[in-house]
């Protein structure tokens, strides 16, 4: 583990880099590791913008033998493995509704800063988007999102949203990502 990546990237004995830094550093570090010839495991999110994603795609495409993996771990839980096996036998579009009781994080927390953390939907909600895509087994072809409206009692609305995903096979999924749910609700 290091805070200085240059010696690690230059070390020929190191073949894999794990990126577990703040979100705004991920894209730059992923691209540097790929260009250095390393396999990469990046904790989510992979990046914060479409421009960063394009740069990562370009770096990865020029090195097809390298593995780039994002730390989407929800799909590996035993319950999801079982759910996926059951859903794989369904040969028609599916409808998913997922409620995430994320818990409140103060407005000042780095994950709420769009430039550093990307906000909670990009920084954490991406887990559930990936999970629904995995369960559907099809590409996302359309998205829409709406956050709670502005209100004096709510300091942050970006972490209280409903996301709707349409999949190539006709399936539809909705993620209700809420940071204002009661702690008594799981």
N, C-alpha and C. Protein backbone atom coordinates (compact mmCIF):
# COMPACT_ATOMS: atom_id res chain seq x y z
N UNK A 1 0.85 -1.18 0.00
CA UNK A 1 0.00 0.00 0.00
C UNK A 1 0.88 1.22 0.00
N UNK A 2 0.45 2.23 -0.74
CA UNK A 2 1.28 3.43 -0.85
C UNK A 2 0.43 4.63 -1.21
N UNK A 3 0.93 5.79 -0.86
CA UNK A 3 0.32 7.03 -1.28
C UNK A 3 1.05 7.61 -2.49
N UNK A 4 2.16 7.00 -2.87
CA UNK A 4 2.94 7.41 -4.04
C UNK A 4 2.87 6.27 -5.06
N UNK A 5 2.12 6.46 -6.10
CA UNK A 5 1.90 5.37 -7.05
C UNK A 5 3.04 5.18 -8.05
N UNK A 6 3.86 6.18 -8.26
CA UNK A 6 4.90 6.09 -9.31
C UNK A 6 5.82 4.88 -9.15
N UNK A 7 6.39 4.63 -7.95
CA UNK A 7 7.26 3.45 -7.84
C UNK A 7 6.51 2.13 -8.07
N UNK A 8 5.28 2.07 -7.64
CA UNK A 8 4.48 0.86 -7.82
C UNK A 8 4.17 0.64 -9.30
N UNK A 9 3.81 1.71 -10.00
CA UNK A 9 3.52 1.59 -11.43
C UNK A 9 4.75 1.18 -12.22
N UNK A 10 5.92 1.60 -11.77
CA UNK A 10 7.17 1.27 -12.47
C UNK A 10 7.72 -0.11 -12.11
N UNK A 11 7.23 -0.70 -11.03
CA UNK A 11 7.75 -1.98 -10.55
C UNK A 11 7.25 -3.12 -11.43
N UNK A 12 8.16 -3.80 -12.10
CA UNK A 12 7.80 -4.90 -13.01
C UNK A 12 7.27 -6.12 -12.26
N UNK A 13 7.55 -6.23 -10.96
CA UNK A 13 7.06 -7.36 -10.18
C UNK A 13 5.61 -7.18 -9.76
N UNK A 14 5.07 -6.00 -9.91
CA UNK A 14 3.67 -5.72 -9.57
C UNK A 14 2.85 -5.83 -10.85
N UNK A 15 1.87 -6.74 -10.84
CA UNK A 15 1.06 -6.89 -12.05
C UNK A 15 -0.37 -6.40 -11.87
N UNK A 16 -0.77 -6.12 -10.62
CA UNK A 16 -2.14 -5.68 -10.37
C UNK A 16 -2.15 -4.51 -9.40
N UNK A 17 -2.98 -3.53 -9.71
CA UNK A 17 -3.13 -2.34 -8.87
C UNK A 17 -4.55 -2.31 -8.34
N UNK A 18 -4.69 -2.08 -7.04
CA UNK A 18 -6.00 -1.89 -6.43
C UNK A 18 -6.14 -0.41 -6.11
N UNK A 19 -7.22 0.19 -6.60
CA UNK A 19 -7.46 1.62 -6.38
C UNK A 19 -8.60 1.77 -5.40
N UNK A 20 -8.27 2.34 -4.24
CA UNK A 20 -9.26 2.53 -3.17
C UNK A 20 -9.09 3.92 -2.57
N UNK A 21 -9.07 4.90 -3.44
CA UNK A 21 -8.87 6.29 -3.04
C UNK A 21 -10.20 7.03 -3.14
N UNK A 22 -10.16 8.34 -2.88
CA UNK A 22 -11.38 9.14 -3.08
C UNK A 22 -11.74 9.10 -4.55
N UNK A 23 -13.02 9.25 -4.79
CA UNK A 23 -13.58 9.01 -6.12
C UNK A 23 -12.99 9.89 -7.22
N UNK A 24 -12.63 11.11 -6.91
CA UNK A 24 -12.12 12.01 -7.94
C UNK A 24 -10.75 11.60 -8.47
N UNK A 25 -10.07 10.71 -7.79
CA UNK A 25 -8.75 10.23 -8.24
C UNK A 25 -8.85 8.95 -9.06
N UNK A 26 -9.96 8.27 -9.04
CA UNK A 26 -10.07 6.95 -9.67
C UNK A 26 -9.70 6.96 -11.15
N UNK A 27 -10.31 7.83 -11.94
CA UNK A 27 -10.09 7.80 -13.39
C UNK A 27 -8.61 8.00 -13.72
N UNK A 28 -8.00 9.00 -13.13
CA UNK A 28 -6.59 9.28 -13.39
C UNK A 28 -5.72 8.09 -13.02
N UNK A 29 -6.01 7.47 -11.88
CA UNK A 29 -5.21 6.34 -11.41
C UNK A 29 -5.45 5.09 -12.26
N UNK A 30 -6.67 4.87 -12.68
CA UNK A 30 -6.98 3.72 -13.54
C UNK A 30 -6.23 3.84 -14.86
N UNK A 31 -6.31 5.01 -15.48
CA UNK A 31 -5.63 5.22 -16.76
C UNK A 31 -4.12 5.04 -16.60
N UNK A 32 -3.54 5.60 -15.55
CA UNK A 32 -2.10 5.46 -15.32
C UNK A 32 -1.71 4.00 -15.15
N UNK A 33 -2.50 3.24 -14.39
CA UNK A 33 -2.20 1.83 -14.16
C UNK A 33 -2.32 1.02 -15.44
N UNK A 34 -3.35 1.28 -16.23
CA UNK A 34 -3.51 0.57 -17.50
C UNK A 34 -2.35 0.87 -18.43
N UNK A 35 -1.99 2.14 -18.51
CA UNK A 35 -0.87 2.54 -19.39
C UNK A 35 0.46 1.95 -18.91
N UNK A 36 0.56 1.65 -17.62
CA UNK A 36 1.77 1.03 -17.07
C UNK A 36 1.76 -0.49 -17.25
N UNK A 37 0.69 -1.01 -17.87
CA UNK A 37 0.63 -2.44 -18.14
C UNK A 37 0.11 -3.28 -16.99
N UNK A 38 -0.61 -2.68 -16.07
CA UNK A 38 -1.11 -3.39 -14.88
C UNK A 38 -2.57 -3.78 -15.06
N UNK A 39 -2.94 -4.89 -14.43
CA UNK A 39 -4.35 -5.20 -14.24
C UNK A 39 -4.86 -4.24 -13.17
N UNK A 40 -6.17 -3.92 -13.20
CA UNK A 40 -6.69 -2.92 -12.26
C UNK A 40 -7.99 -3.41 -11.63
N UNK A 41 -8.03 -3.33 -10.30
CA UNK A 41 -9.28 -3.46 -9.55
C UNK A 41 -9.54 -2.09 -8.96
N UNK A 42 -10.65 -1.47 -9.37
CA UNK A 42 -10.99 -0.13 -8.89
C UNK A 42 -12.25 -0.20 -8.05
N UNK A 43 -12.15 0.27 -6.83
CA UNK A 43 -13.34 0.39 -6.00
C UNK A 43 -14.30 1.34 -6.71
N UNK A 44 -15.59 1.13 -6.57
CA UNK A 44 -16.56 1.97 -7.25
C UNK A 44 -16.55 3.38 -6.68
N UNK A 45 -16.90 4.36 -7.46
CA UNK A 45 -17.21 4.34 -8.88
C UNK A 45 -15.94 4.36 -9.71
N UNK A 46 -16.04 3.89 -10.93
CA UNK A 46 -14.88 3.88 -11.82
C UNK A 46 -14.42 5.30 -12.13
N UNK A 47 -15.37 6.22 -12.28
CA UNK A 47 -15.04 7.60 -12.62
C UNK A 47 -16.25 8.47 -12.29
N UNK A 48 -16.08 9.78 -12.49
CA UNK A 48 -17.15 10.72 -12.15
C UNK A 48 -17.80 11.39 -13.36
N UNK A 49 -17.21 11.23 -14.55
CA UNK A 49 -17.77 11.92 -15.71
C UNK A 49 -17.66 11.05 -16.96
N UNK A 50 -18.43 11.42 -17.96
CA UNK A 50 -18.37 10.70 -19.23
C UNK A 50 -17.04 10.92 -19.94
N UNK A 51 -16.44 12.10 -19.77
CA UNK A 51 -15.12 12.34 -20.35
C UNK A 51 -14.08 11.40 -19.74
N UNK A 52 -14.14 11.23 -18.42
CA UNK A 52 -13.22 10.30 -17.75
C UNK A 52 -13.47 8.87 -18.23
N UNK A 53 -14.73 8.51 -18.38
CA UNK A 53 -15.05 7.17 -18.86
C UNK A 53 -14.49 6.94 -20.26
N UNK A 54 -14.59 7.94 -21.12
CA UNK A 54 -14.06 7.82 -22.46
C UNK A 54 -12.54 7.61 -22.44
N UNK A 55 -11.86 8.31 -21.57
CA UNK A 55 -10.40 8.15 -21.46
C UNK A 55 -10.05 6.74 -20.95
N UNK A 56 -10.82 6.25 -19.99
CA UNK A 56 -10.60 4.89 -19.47
C UNK A 56 -10.86 3.86 -20.57
N UNK A 57 -11.96 4.03 -21.30
CA UNK A 57 -12.28 3.10 -22.38
C UNK A 57 -11.16 3.06 -23.41
N UNK A 58 -10.61 4.20 -23.74
CA UNK A 58 -9.52 4.27 -24.71
C UNK A 58 -8.28 3.55 -24.18
N UNK A 59 -7.92 3.79 -22.93
CA UNK A 59 -6.75 3.14 -22.34
C UNK A 59 -6.96 1.63 -22.26
N UNK A 60 -8.15 1.20 -21.90
CA UNK A 60 -8.43 -0.23 -21.79
C UNK A 60 -8.46 -0.91 -23.16
N UNK A 61 -9.01 -0.23 -24.16
CA UNK A 61 -9.10 -0.81 -25.50
C UNK A 61 -7.72 -1.04 -26.12
N UNK A 62 -6.77 -0.20 -25.75
CA UNK A 62 -5.43 -0.35 -26.32
C UNK A 62 -4.62 -1.42 -25.60
N UNK A 63 -5.19 -2.01 -24.56
CA UNK A 63 -4.53 -3.07 -23.80
C UNK A 63 -5.53 -4.19 -23.50
N UNK A 64 -5.97 -4.91 -24.54
CA UNK A 64 -7.04 -5.90 -24.36
C UNK A 64 -6.69 -7.08 -23.46
N UNK A 65 -5.41 -7.33 -23.21
CA UNK A 65 -5.05 -8.46 -22.36
C UNK A 65 -5.09 -8.11 -20.87
N UNK A 66 -5.26 -6.85 -20.57
CA UNK A 66 -5.33 -6.44 -19.16
C UNK A 66 -6.76 -6.50 -18.65
N UNK A 67 -6.90 -6.83 -17.38
CA UNK A 67 -8.20 -6.90 -16.75
C UNK A 67 -8.46 -5.60 -15.99
N UNK A 68 -9.63 -5.03 -16.23
CA UNK A 68 -10.11 -3.88 -15.47
C UNK A 68 -11.41 -4.29 -14.82
N UNK A 69 -11.45 -4.27 -13.50
CA UNK A 69 -12.64 -4.69 -12.77
C UNK A 69 -13.04 -3.61 -11.78
N UNK A 70 -14.34 -3.35 -11.71
CA UNK A 70 -14.88 -2.37 -10.77
C UNK A 70 -15.47 -3.14 -9.59
N UNK A 71 -15.31 -2.60 -8.40
CA UNK A 71 -15.72 -3.29 -7.18
C UNK A 71 -17.22 -3.33 -6.91
N UNK A 72 -17.98 -3.75 -7.89
CA UNK A 72 -19.41 -3.96 -7.68
C UNK A 72 -19.57 -5.32 -7.02
N UNK A 73 -19.85 -5.34 -5.73
CA UNK A 73 -19.85 -6.59 -4.98
C UNK A 73 -21.23 -7.15 -4.69
N UNK A 74 -22.28 -6.39 -4.89
CA UNK A 74 -23.62 -6.86 -4.52
C UNK A 74 -24.00 -8.13 -5.26
N UNK A 75 -23.59 -8.25 -6.51
CA UNK A 75 -23.98 -9.40 -7.33
C UNK A 75 -23.41 -10.72 -6.84
N UNK A 76 -22.44 -10.67 -5.92
CA UNK A 76 -21.79 -11.89 -5.44
C UNK A 76 -22.36 -12.40 -4.12
N UNK A 77 -23.30 -11.70 -3.53
CA UNK A 77 -23.87 -12.17 -2.27
C UNK A 77 -24.69 -13.44 -2.54
N UNK A 78 -24.73 -14.37 -1.57
CA UNK A 78 -25.44 -15.64 -1.80
C UNK A 78 -26.90 -15.46 -2.20
N UNK A 79 -27.58 -14.48 -1.62
CA UNK A 79 -29.00 -14.27 -1.96
C UNK A 79 -29.15 -13.83 -3.42
N UNK A 80 -28.25 -12.98 -3.89
CA UNK A 80 -28.33 -12.50 -5.26
C UNK A 80 -27.95 -13.61 -6.24
N UNK A 81 -26.97 -14.42 -5.89
CA UNK A 81 -26.59 -15.55 -6.75
C UNK A 81 -27.80 -16.46 -6.95
N UNK A 82 -28.52 -16.73 -5.88
CA UNK A 82 -29.72 -17.57 -5.95
C UNK A 82 -30.81 -16.87 -6.77
N UNK A 83 -31.02 -15.58 -6.52
CA UNK A 83 -32.03 -14.82 -7.25
C UNK A 83 -31.73 -14.82 -8.75
N UNK A 84 -30.47 -14.62 -9.10
CA UNK A 84 -30.06 -14.60 -10.51
C UNK A 84 -30.33 -15.95 -11.16
N UNK A 85 -30.01 -17.03 -10.46
CA UNK A 85 -30.26 -18.37 -11.00
C UNK A 85 -31.75 -18.58 -11.26
N UNK A 86 -32.60 -18.13 -10.35
CA UNK A 86 -34.04 -18.27 -10.53
C UNK A 86 -34.54 -17.40 -11.69
N UNK A 87 -34.02 -16.17 -11.79
CA UNK A 87 -34.46 -15.27 -12.85
C UNK A 87 -33.99 -15.69 -14.23
N UNK A 88 -32.88 -16.41 -14.31
CA UNK A 88 -32.35 -16.83 -15.61
C UNK A 88 -33.31 -17.74 -16.37
N UNK A 89 -34.23 -18.38 -15.66
CA UNK A 89 -35.19 -19.25 -16.34
C UNK A 89 -36.40 -18.48 -16.88
N UNK A 90 -36.54 -17.23 -16.50
CA UNK A 90 -37.66 -16.40 -16.96
C UNK A 90 -37.31 -15.86 -18.34
N UNK A 91 -38.13 -16.14 -19.32
CA UNK A 91 -37.84 -15.76 -20.71
C UNK A 91 -38.69 -14.58 -21.17
N UNK A 92 -39.04 -13.71 -20.28
CA UNK A 92 -39.81 -12.52 -20.64
C UNK A 92 -39.27 -11.35 -19.82
N UNK A 93 -39.64 -10.13 -20.19
CA UNK A 93 -39.16 -8.98 -19.43
C UNK A 93 -39.56 -9.06 -17.96
N UNK A 94 -38.69 -8.53 -17.13
CA UNK A 94 -38.90 -8.55 -15.68
C UNK A 94 -39.11 -7.13 -15.17
N UNK A 95 -39.71 -7.01 -14.01
CA UNK A 95 -39.89 -5.71 -13.36
C UNK A 95 -39.23 -5.78 -11.99
N UNK A 96 -38.33 -4.83 -11.73
CA UNK A 96 -37.60 -4.80 -10.47
C UNK A 96 -37.92 -3.50 -9.73
N UNK A 97 -38.12 -3.60 -8.44
CA UNK A 97 -38.25 -2.43 -7.58
C UNK A 97 -37.31 -2.64 -6.41
N UNK A 98 -36.37 -1.73 -6.26
CA UNK A 98 -35.38 -1.84 -5.19
C UNK A 98 -35.43 -0.58 -4.35
N UNK A 99 -35.58 -0.75 -3.06
CA UNK A 99 -35.54 0.38 -2.14
C UNK A 99 -34.28 0.30 -1.32
N UNK A 100 -33.50 1.37 -1.34
CA UNK A 100 -32.25 1.45 -0.61
C UNK A 100 -32.42 2.50 0.49
N UNK A 101 -32.35 2.06 1.72
CA UNK A 101 -32.43 2.97 2.87
C UNK A 101 -30.99 3.33 3.26
N UNK A 102 -30.42 4.29 2.54
CA UNK A 102 -28.98 4.55 2.60
C UNK A 102 -28.51 5.23 3.89
N UNK A 103 -29.38 5.91 4.58
CA UNK A 103 -28.96 6.65 5.76
C UNK A 103 -28.39 8.01 5.39
N UNK A 104 -28.55 8.94 6.28
CA UNK A 104 -28.13 10.32 6.02
C UNK A 104 -26.62 10.48 6.19
N UNK A 105 -26.03 11.30 5.34
CA UNK A 105 -24.64 11.74 5.45
C UNK A 105 -24.67 13.26 5.37
N UNK A 106 -23.94 13.94 6.23
CA UNK A 106 -23.98 15.41 6.23
C UNK A 106 -23.59 16.01 4.89
N UNK A 107 -24.15 17.16 4.58
CA UNK A 107 -23.87 17.88 3.35
C UNK A 107 -22.38 18.12 3.17
N UNK A 108 -21.64 18.29 4.27
CA UNK A 108 -20.21 18.61 4.23
C UNK A 108 -19.33 17.38 3.97
N UNK A 109 -19.88 16.18 4.02
CA UNK A 109 -19.08 14.97 3.81
C UNK A 109 -18.55 14.95 2.38
N UNK A 110 -17.33 14.47 2.19
CA UNK A 110 -16.69 14.51 0.86
C UNK A 110 -17.48 13.76 -0.20
N UNK A 111 -18.24 12.73 0.17
CA UNK A 111 -19.00 11.99 -0.84
C UNK A 111 -20.13 12.83 -1.42
N UNK A 112 -20.59 13.84 -0.67
CA UNK A 112 -21.66 14.71 -1.15
C UNK A 112 -21.14 15.76 -2.14
N UNK A 113 -19.84 15.99 -2.14
CA UNK A 113 -19.21 16.98 -3.02
C UNK A 113 -19.11 16.38 -4.41
N UNK A 114 -19.81 16.95 -5.38
CA UNK A 114 -19.84 16.36 -6.73
C UNK A 114 -18.45 16.30 -7.37
N UNK A 115 -17.58 17.26 -7.05
CA UNK A 115 -16.25 17.28 -7.66
C UNK A 115 -15.31 16.24 -7.05
N UNK A 116 -15.53 15.87 -5.79
CA UNK A 116 -14.64 14.94 -5.10
C UNK A 116 -15.26 13.54 -4.99
N UNK A 117 -16.49 13.48 -4.53
CA UNK A 117 -17.14 12.19 -4.32
C UNK A 117 -18.14 11.82 -5.40
N UNK A 118 -18.55 12.80 -6.18
CA UNK A 118 -19.50 12.53 -7.25
C UNK A 118 -20.95 12.58 -6.82
N UNK A 119 -21.19 12.74 -5.52
CA UNK A 119 -22.55 12.62 -5.00
C UNK A 119 -22.85 11.16 -4.71
N UNK A 120 -23.88 10.92 -3.97
CA UNK A 120 -24.14 9.55 -3.50
C UNK A 120 -24.69 8.62 -4.58
N UNK A 121 -25.37 9.14 -5.57
CA UNK A 121 -25.87 8.25 -6.63
C UNK A 121 -24.70 7.70 -7.43
N UNK A 122 -23.77 8.56 -7.84
CA UNK A 122 -22.60 8.09 -8.57
C UNK A 122 -21.70 7.27 -7.66
N UNK A 123 -21.50 7.74 -6.43
CA UNK A 123 -20.56 7.10 -5.53
C UNK A 123 -21.04 5.80 -4.90
N UNK A 124 -22.32 5.68 -4.67
CA UNK A 124 -22.85 4.48 -4.01
C UNK A 124 -24.05 3.89 -4.74
N UNK A 125 -24.91 4.73 -5.24
CA UNK A 125 -26.10 4.25 -5.95
C UNK A 125 -25.74 3.41 -7.17
N UNK A 126 -24.52 3.61 -7.68
CA UNK A 126 -24.07 2.82 -8.83
C UNK A 126 -24.08 1.33 -8.53
N UNK A 127 -23.89 0.96 -7.26
CA UNK A 127 -23.96 -0.46 -6.87
C UNK A 127 -25.30 -1.07 -7.28
N UNK A 128 -26.36 -0.32 -7.07
CA UNK A 128 -27.70 -0.86 -7.26
C UNK A 128 -28.10 -0.82 -8.73
N UNK A 129 -27.56 0.14 -9.47
CA UNK A 129 -27.75 0.16 -10.92
C UNK A 129 -27.07 -1.08 -11.51
N UNK A 130 -25.83 -1.34 -11.08
CA UNK A 130 -25.13 -2.53 -11.55
C UNK A 130 -25.89 -3.80 -11.16
N UNK A 131 -26.42 -3.83 -9.96
CA UNK A 131 -27.13 -5.02 -9.50
C UNK A 131 -28.37 -5.29 -10.36
N UNK A 132 -29.15 -4.27 -10.66
CA UNK A 132 -30.33 -4.49 -11.50
C UNK A 132 -29.93 -4.90 -12.91
N UNK A 133 -28.86 -4.32 -13.43
CA UNK A 133 -28.39 -4.72 -14.76
C UNK A 133 -27.98 -6.20 -14.75
N UNK A 134 -27.30 -6.60 -13.68
CA UNK A 134 -26.91 -8.01 -13.54
C UNK A 134 -28.13 -8.92 -13.48
N UNK A 135 -29.10 -8.55 -12.68
CA UNK A 135 -30.30 -9.38 -12.55
C UNK A 135 -31.10 -9.44 -13.84
N UNK A 136 -31.17 -8.33 -14.55
CA UNK A 136 -31.90 -8.32 -15.82
C UNK A 136 -31.14 -9.13 -16.88
N UNK A 137 -29.82 -9.11 -16.79
CA UNK A 137 -29.01 -9.83 -17.77
C UNK A 137 -29.05 -9.17 -19.14
N UNK A 138 -29.30 -7.87 -19.16
CA UNK A 138 -29.41 -7.14 -20.43
C UNK A 138 -28.85 -5.73 -20.24
N UNK A 139 -28.45 -5.13 -21.36
CA UNK A 139 -27.90 -3.79 -21.35
C UNK A 139 -28.96 -2.76 -20.99
N UNK A 140 -28.55 -1.71 -20.30
CA UNK A 140 -29.43 -0.57 -20.02
C UNK A 140 -29.52 0.27 -21.28
N UNK A 141 -30.74 0.54 -21.74
CA UNK A 141 -30.91 1.31 -22.97
C UNK A 141 -31.56 2.67 -22.73
N UNK A 142 -32.13 2.87 -21.55
CA UNK A 142 -32.77 4.15 -21.26
C UNK A 142 -32.77 4.37 -19.76
N UNK A 143 -32.56 5.61 -19.35
CA UNK A 143 -32.59 5.93 -17.92
C UNK A 143 -33.38 7.20 -17.69
N UNK A 144 -33.91 7.31 -16.50
CA UNK A 144 -34.50 8.58 -16.04
C UNK A 144 -34.33 8.63 -14.53
N UNK A 145 -34.28 9.84 -14.01
CA UNK A 145 -34.09 10.01 -12.57
C UNK A 145 -34.79 11.27 -12.11
N UNK A 146 -35.26 11.22 -10.89
CA UNK A 146 -35.86 12.40 -10.28
C UNK A 146 -35.50 12.39 -8.80
N UNK A 147 -35.05 13.54 -8.31
CA UNK A 147 -34.73 13.68 -6.90
C UNK A 147 -35.90 14.36 -6.19
N UNK A 148 -35.93 14.23 -4.87
CA UNK A 148 -36.95 14.96 -4.12
C UNK A 148 -36.83 16.44 -4.40
N UNK A 149 -37.94 17.13 -4.35
CA UNK A 149 -37.94 18.56 -4.61
C UNK A 149 -37.29 19.35 -3.48
N UNK A 150 -36.89 20.56 -3.81
CA UNK A 150 -36.28 21.43 -2.81
C UNK A 150 -37.28 21.75 -1.71
N UNK A 151 -36.78 21.74 -0.49
CA UNK A 151 -37.61 22.03 0.68
C UNK A 151 -36.69 22.54 1.78
N UNK A 152 -37.11 23.53 2.55
CA UNK A 152 -36.24 24.08 3.60
C UNK A 152 -35.78 23.03 4.62
N UNK A 153 -36.52 21.97 4.80
CA UNK A 153 -36.16 20.96 5.80
C UNK A 153 -35.12 19.97 5.27
N UNK A 154 -34.86 20.00 3.96
CA UNK A 154 -33.93 19.03 3.36
C UNK A 154 -32.72 19.79 2.82
N UNK A 155 -31.55 19.53 3.42
CA UNK A 155 -30.33 20.20 3.00
C UNK A 155 -29.76 19.64 1.71
N UNK A 156 -29.92 18.33 1.50
CA UNK A 156 -29.41 17.66 0.31
C UNK A 156 -30.55 16.86 -0.30
N UNK A 157 -30.81 17.05 -1.59
CA UNK A 157 -31.86 16.26 -2.24
C UNK A 157 -31.28 15.22 -3.20
N UNK A 158 -30.01 15.39 -3.60
CA UNK A 158 -29.41 14.47 -4.58
C UNK A 158 -29.37 13.03 -4.08
N UNK A 159 -29.38 12.82 -2.76
CA UNK A 159 -29.30 11.45 -2.24
C UNK A 159 -30.67 10.91 -1.84
N UNK A 160 -31.69 11.49 -2.43
CA UNK A 160 -33.07 11.05 -2.22
C UNK A 160 -33.73 11.05 -3.59
N UNK A 161 -33.57 9.94 -4.31
CA UNK A 161 -33.99 9.94 -5.71
C UNK A 161 -34.58 8.60 -6.11
N UNK A 162 -35.36 8.65 -7.18
CA UNK A 162 -35.86 7.44 -7.84
C UNK A 162 -35.27 7.39 -9.23
N UNK A 163 -34.66 6.25 -9.55
CA UNK A 163 -34.02 6.04 -10.84
C UNK A 163 -34.78 4.94 -11.56
N UNK A 164 -35.09 5.14 -12.81
CA UNK A 164 -35.77 4.12 -13.60
C UNK A 164 -34.87 3.72 -14.76
N UNK A 165 -34.71 2.42 -14.92
CA UNK A 165 -33.85 1.86 -15.95
C UNK A 165 -34.68 0.97 -16.86
N UNK A 166 -34.50 1.13 -18.17
CA UNK A 166 -35.13 0.23 -19.15
C UNK A 166 -34.00 -0.58 -19.77
N UNK A 167 -34.23 -1.88 -19.88
CA UNK A 167 -33.21 -2.80 -20.37
C UNK A 167 -33.53 -3.27 -21.79
N UNK A 168 -32.51 -3.71 -22.50
CA UNK A 168 -32.65 -4.12 -23.90
C UNK A 168 -33.65 -5.25 -24.09
N UNK A 169 -33.86 -6.08 -23.07
CA UNK A 169 -34.80 -7.19 -23.20
C UNK A 169 -36.23 -6.80 -22.85
N UNK A 170 -36.46 -5.50 -22.58
CA UNK A 170 -37.80 -5.03 -22.22
C UNK A 170 -38.04 -4.93 -20.73
N UNK A 171 -37.11 -5.42 -19.92
CA UNK A 171 -37.25 -5.33 -18.47
C UNK A 171 -37.16 -3.87 -18.02
N UNK A 172 -37.71 -3.60 -16.85
CA UNK A 172 -37.68 -2.27 -16.25
C UNK A 172 -37.30 -2.42 -14.79
N UNK A 173 -36.46 -1.52 -14.32
CA UNK A 173 -36.07 -1.53 -12.92
C UNK A 173 -36.12 -0.14 -12.33
N UNK A 174 -36.56 -0.05 -11.09
CA UNK A 174 -36.57 1.22 -10.38
C UNK A 174 -35.78 1.07 -9.10
N UNK A 175 -34.89 2.02 -8.86
CA UNK A 175 -34.15 2.09 -7.61
C UNK A 175 -34.63 3.32 -6.87
N UNK A 176 -35.18 3.11 -5.69
CA UNK A 176 -35.53 4.21 -4.80
C UNK A 176 -34.36 4.32 -3.82
N UNK A 177 -33.49 5.29 -4.05
CA UNK A 177 -32.30 5.49 -3.21
C UNK A 177 -32.63 6.65 -2.28
N UNK A 178 -32.77 6.34 -0.99
CA UNK A 178 -33.24 7.32 -0.03
C UNK A 178 -32.32 7.43 1.17
N UNK A 179 -31.89 8.64 1.44
CA UNK A 179 -31.03 8.89 2.60
C UNK A 179 -31.84 9.42 3.77
N UNK A 180 -33.13 9.47 3.63
CA UNK A 180 -33.97 10.03 4.69
C UNK A 180 -34.96 9.01 5.26
N UNK A 181 -34.69 7.73 5.06
CA UNK A 181 -35.56 6.69 5.61
C UNK A 181 -35.33 6.52 7.11
N UNK A 182 -36.30 5.98 7.78
CA UNK A 182 -36.20 5.73 9.20
C UNK A 182 -35.17 4.65 9.48
N UNK A 183 -34.38 4.79 10.54
CA UNK A 183 -33.36 3.81 10.87
C UNK A 183 -33.96 2.46 11.25
N UNK A 184 -35.22 2.41 11.57
CA UNK A 184 -35.89 1.17 11.90
C UNK A 184 -36.20 0.32 10.69
N UNK A 185 -36.15 0.93 9.50
CA UNK A 185 -36.39 0.19 8.25
C UNK A 185 -35.07 -0.34 7.74
N UNK A 186 -34.98 -1.63 7.41
CA UNK A 186 -33.69 -2.19 6.99
C UNK A 186 -33.19 -1.61 5.66
